[in-house]
Amino acid sequence: MSQAPSFLGMPLDAALDLARSLGLPEPEIIRTCAPRRREEEPQGTLRVIRVRDAQWTVSAFQDASPKE
């Protein structure tokens, strides 16, 4: 029996591509962020931070150092 891959930490697009290539059903995507950022567009890369059944929670992470 093969074990399902861990999608945790993966960029959302890459995780979805992998899930599709494995024939897994499309997950429900839930975006979360800090309360002060709820009205803004996500800054950075959306990454998978939680996987529960058919629900994935994603949050934006900066991939580069902040500009000084």
N, C-alpha and C. Protein backbone atom coordinates (compact mmCIF):
# COMPACT_ATOMS: atom_id res chain seq x y z
N MET A 1 0.85 -1.18 0.00
CA MET A 1 0.00 0.00 0.00
C MET A 1 0.89 1.24 0.00
N SER A 2 0.68 2.15 -0.93
CA SER A 2 1.49 3.36 -0.99
C SER A 2 0.88 4.45 -0.13
N GLN A 3 1.75 5.27 0.42
CA GLN A 3 1.31 6.36 1.27
C GLN A 3 1.11 7.62 0.43
N ALA A 4 0.07 8.38 0.74
CA ALA A 4 -0.20 9.62 0.02
C ALA A 4 0.93 10.61 0.31
N PRO A 5 1.27 11.45 -0.67
CA PRO A 5 2.34 12.43 -0.44
C PRO A 5 1.89 13.51 0.54
N SER A 6 2.85 14.13 1.19
CA SER A 6 2.53 15.24 2.07
C SER A 6 2.54 16.52 1.23
N PHE A 7 1.44 17.23 1.27
CA PHE A 7 1.32 18.48 0.53
C PHE A 7 1.73 19.67 1.40
N LEU A 8 1.98 19.44 2.67
CA LEU A 8 2.29 20.52 3.60
C LEU A 8 3.54 21.27 3.18
N GLY A 9 3.43 22.59 3.18
CA GLY A 9 4.56 23.44 2.84
C GLY A 9 4.73 23.69 1.35
N MET A 10 4.02 22.94 0.53
CA MET A 10 4.16 23.11 -0.92
C MET A 10 3.41 24.36 -1.39
N PRO A 11 3.92 25.02 -2.42
CA PRO A 11 3.15 26.08 -3.05
C PRO A 11 1.82 25.49 -3.54
N LEU A 12 0.75 26.24 -3.41
CA LEU A 12 -0.58 25.73 -3.74
C LEU A 12 -0.65 25.19 -5.17
N ASP A 13 -0.13 25.92 -6.15
CA ASP A 13 -0.20 25.47 -7.54
C ASP A 13 0.49 24.12 -7.73
N ALA A 14 1.67 23.96 -7.12
CA ALA A 14 2.41 22.70 -7.25
C ALA A 14 1.66 21.56 -6.55
N ALA A 15 1.08 21.84 -5.39
CA ALA A 15 0.33 20.81 -4.66
C ALA A 15 -0.90 20.37 -5.45
N LEU A 16 -1.60 21.33 -6.05
CA LEU A 16 -2.77 20.98 -6.86
C LEU A 16 -2.37 20.17 -8.08
N ASP A 17 -1.28 20.56 -8.73
CA ASP A 17 -0.80 19.79 -9.89
C ASP A 17 -0.47 18.35 -9.50
N LEU A 18 0.20 18.18 -8.37
CA LEU A 18 0.55 16.84 -7.90
C LEU A 18 -0.70 16.03 -7.58
N ALA A 19 -1.64 16.65 -6.88
CA ALA A 19 -2.89 15.95 -6.52
C ALA A 19 -3.63 15.50 -7.77
N ARG A 20 -3.70 16.38 -8.77
CA ARG A 20 -4.38 16.03 -10.03
C ARG A 20 -3.67 14.88 -10.74
N SER A 21 -2.33 14.92 -10.74
CA SER A 21 -1.58 13.87 -11.43
C SER A 21 -1.76 12.51 -10.74
N LEU A 22 -2.09 12.53 -9.46
CA LEU A 22 -2.33 11.30 -8.72
C LEU A 22 -3.80 10.86 -8.77
N GLY A 23 -4.63 11.68 -9.44
CA GLY A 23 -6.04 11.34 -9.56
C GLY A 23 -6.85 11.61 -8.30
N LEU A 24 -6.34 12.47 -7.43
CA LEU A 24 -7.07 12.80 -6.20
C LEU A 24 -8.15 13.83 -6.49
N PRO A 25 -9.23 13.81 -5.71
CA PRO A 25 -10.30 14.80 -5.94
C PRO A 25 -9.81 16.21 -5.61
N GLU A 26 -10.41 17.18 -6.27
CA GLU A 26 -10.07 18.59 -6.06
C GLU A 26 -10.45 18.99 -4.63
N PRO A 27 -9.49 19.51 -3.83
CA PRO A 27 -9.81 19.88 -2.45
C PRO A 27 -10.50 21.24 -2.38
N GLU A 28 -11.22 21.47 -1.31
CA GLU A 28 -11.76 22.80 -1.01
C GLU A 28 -10.59 23.60 -0.44
N ILE A 29 -10.36 24.80 -0.96
CA ILE A 29 -9.25 25.64 -0.53
C ILE A 29 -9.77 26.71 0.42
N ILE A 30 -9.19 26.77 1.61
CA ILE A 30 -9.54 27.78 2.61
C ILE A 30 -8.31 28.65 2.82
N ARG A 31 -8.45 29.95 2.56
CA ARG A 31 -7.32 30.87 2.73
C ARG A 31 -7.41 31.52 4.10
N THR A 32 -6.30 31.57 4.80
CA THR A 32 -6.25 32.22 6.10
C THR A 32 -5.11 33.22 6.11
N CYS A 33 -5.22 34.21 7.00
CA CYS A 33 -4.18 35.22 7.14
C CYS A 33 -4.37 35.94 8.46
N ALA A 34 -3.42 36.79 8.79
CA ALA A 34 -3.53 37.59 10.01
C ALA A 34 -4.75 38.50 9.91
N PRO A 35 -5.42 38.78 11.02
CA PRO A 35 -6.64 39.61 10.97
C PRO A 35 -6.45 40.96 10.29
N ARG A 36 -5.32 41.60 10.47
CA ARG A 36 -5.11 42.92 9.86
C ARG A 36 -4.91 42.84 8.35
N ARG A 37 -4.73 41.65 7.81
CA ARG A 37 -4.46 41.48 6.39
C ARG A 37 -5.66 40.91 5.63
N ARG A 38 -6.77 40.70 6.27
CA ARG A 38 -7.91 40.03 5.65
C ARG A 38 -8.46 40.75 4.41
N GLU A 39 -8.36 42.06 4.37
CA GLU A 39 -8.92 42.81 3.25
C GLU A 39 -7.94 42.95 2.08
N GLU A 40 -6.68 42.59 2.31
CA GLU A 40 -5.65 42.74 1.28
C GLU A 40 -5.52 41.48 0.44
N GLU A 41 -4.99 41.65 -0.75
CA GLU A 41 -4.62 40.49 -1.58
C GLU A 41 -3.43 39.83 -0.91
N PRO A 42 -3.32 38.50 -0.98
CA PRO A 42 -2.18 37.84 -0.35
C PRO A 42 -0.86 38.28 -0.98
N GLN A 43 0.12 38.54 -0.14
CA GLN A 43 1.46 38.93 -0.59
C GLN A 43 2.36 37.72 -0.41
N GLY A 44 2.99 37.27 -1.46
CA GLY A 44 3.87 36.11 -1.37
C GLY A 44 3.24 34.90 -2.04
N THR A 45 3.76 33.74 -1.70
CA THR A 45 3.32 32.49 -2.30
C THR A 45 2.33 31.79 -1.38
N LEU A 46 1.18 31.40 -1.93
CA LEU A 46 0.22 30.63 -1.14
C LEU A 46 0.77 29.22 -0.96
N ARG A 47 0.89 28.79 0.28
CA ARG A 47 1.41 27.46 0.60
C ARG A 47 0.40 26.69 1.45
N VAL A 48 0.40 25.39 1.28
CA VAL A 48 -0.51 24.51 2.03
C VAL A 48 0.02 24.40 3.46
N ILE A 49 -0.83 24.73 4.44
CA ILE A 49 -0.41 24.65 5.85
C ILE A 49 -1.25 23.64 6.65
N ARG A 50 -2.34 23.14 6.07
CA ARG A 50 -3.18 22.17 6.76
C ARG A 50 -3.91 21.34 5.73
N VAL A 51 -3.97 20.03 5.95
CA VAL A 51 -4.71 19.13 5.06
C VAL A 51 -5.62 18.29 5.93
N ARG A 52 -6.92 18.40 5.70
CA ARG A 52 -7.91 17.59 6.41
C ARG A 52 -8.92 17.09 5.40
N ASP A 53 -8.88 15.79 5.15
CA ASP A 53 -9.78 15.17 4.18
C ASP A 53 -9.72 15.94 2.86
N ALA A 54 -10.84 16.54 2.46
CA ALA A 54 -10.89 17.25 1.18
C ALA A 54 -10.78 18.77 1.37
N GLN A 55 -10.20 19.20 2.49
CA GLN A 55 -10.01 20.63 2.75
C GLN A 55 -8.53 20.92 2.95
N TRP A 56 -8.05 21.91 2.23
CA TRP A 56 -6.68 22.38 2.42
C TRP A 56 -6.75 23.83 2.88
N THR A 57 -5.98 24.16 3.90
CA THR A 57 -5.86 25.54 4.35
C THR A 57 -4.54 26.06 3.82
N VAL A 58 -4.59 27.27 3.24
CA VAL A 58 -3.39 27.89 2.67
C VAL A 58 -3.19 29.28 3.27
N SER A 59 -1.95 29.71 3.28
CA SER A 59 -1.60 31.04 3.75
C SER A 59 -0.43 31.54 2.90
N ALA A 60 -0.32 32.86 2.80
CA ALA A 60 0.75 33.45 1.98
C ALA A 60 2.03 33.56 2.79
N PHE A 61 3.13 33.20 2.14
CA PHE A 61 4.46 33.30 2.73
C PHE A 61 5.35 34.09 1.79
N GLN A 62 6.16 34.98 2.36
CA GLN A 62 7.12 35.72 1.54
C GLN A 62 8.28 34.79 1.22
N ASP A 63 8.64 34.72 -0.05
CA ASP A 63 9.73 33.86 -0.47
C ASP A 63 11.07 34.58 -0.48
N ALA A 64 11.04 35.89 -0.41
CA ALA A 64 12.27 36.66 -0.44
C ALA A 64 12.32 37.55 0.80
N SER A 65 13.49 38.09 1.07
CA SER A 65 13.63 39.00 2.19
C SER A 65 12.88 40.29 1.90
N PRO A 66 12.28 40.89 2.93
CA PRO A 66 11.59 42.17 2.71
C PRO A 66 12.59 43.21 2.21
N LYS A 67 12.12 44.10 1.35
CA LYS A 67 12.98 45.16 0.83
C LYS A 67 13.20 46.21 1.91
N GLU A 68 14.43 46.65 2.01
CA GLU A 68 14.75 47.64 3.03
C GLU A 68 14.64 49.04 2.49
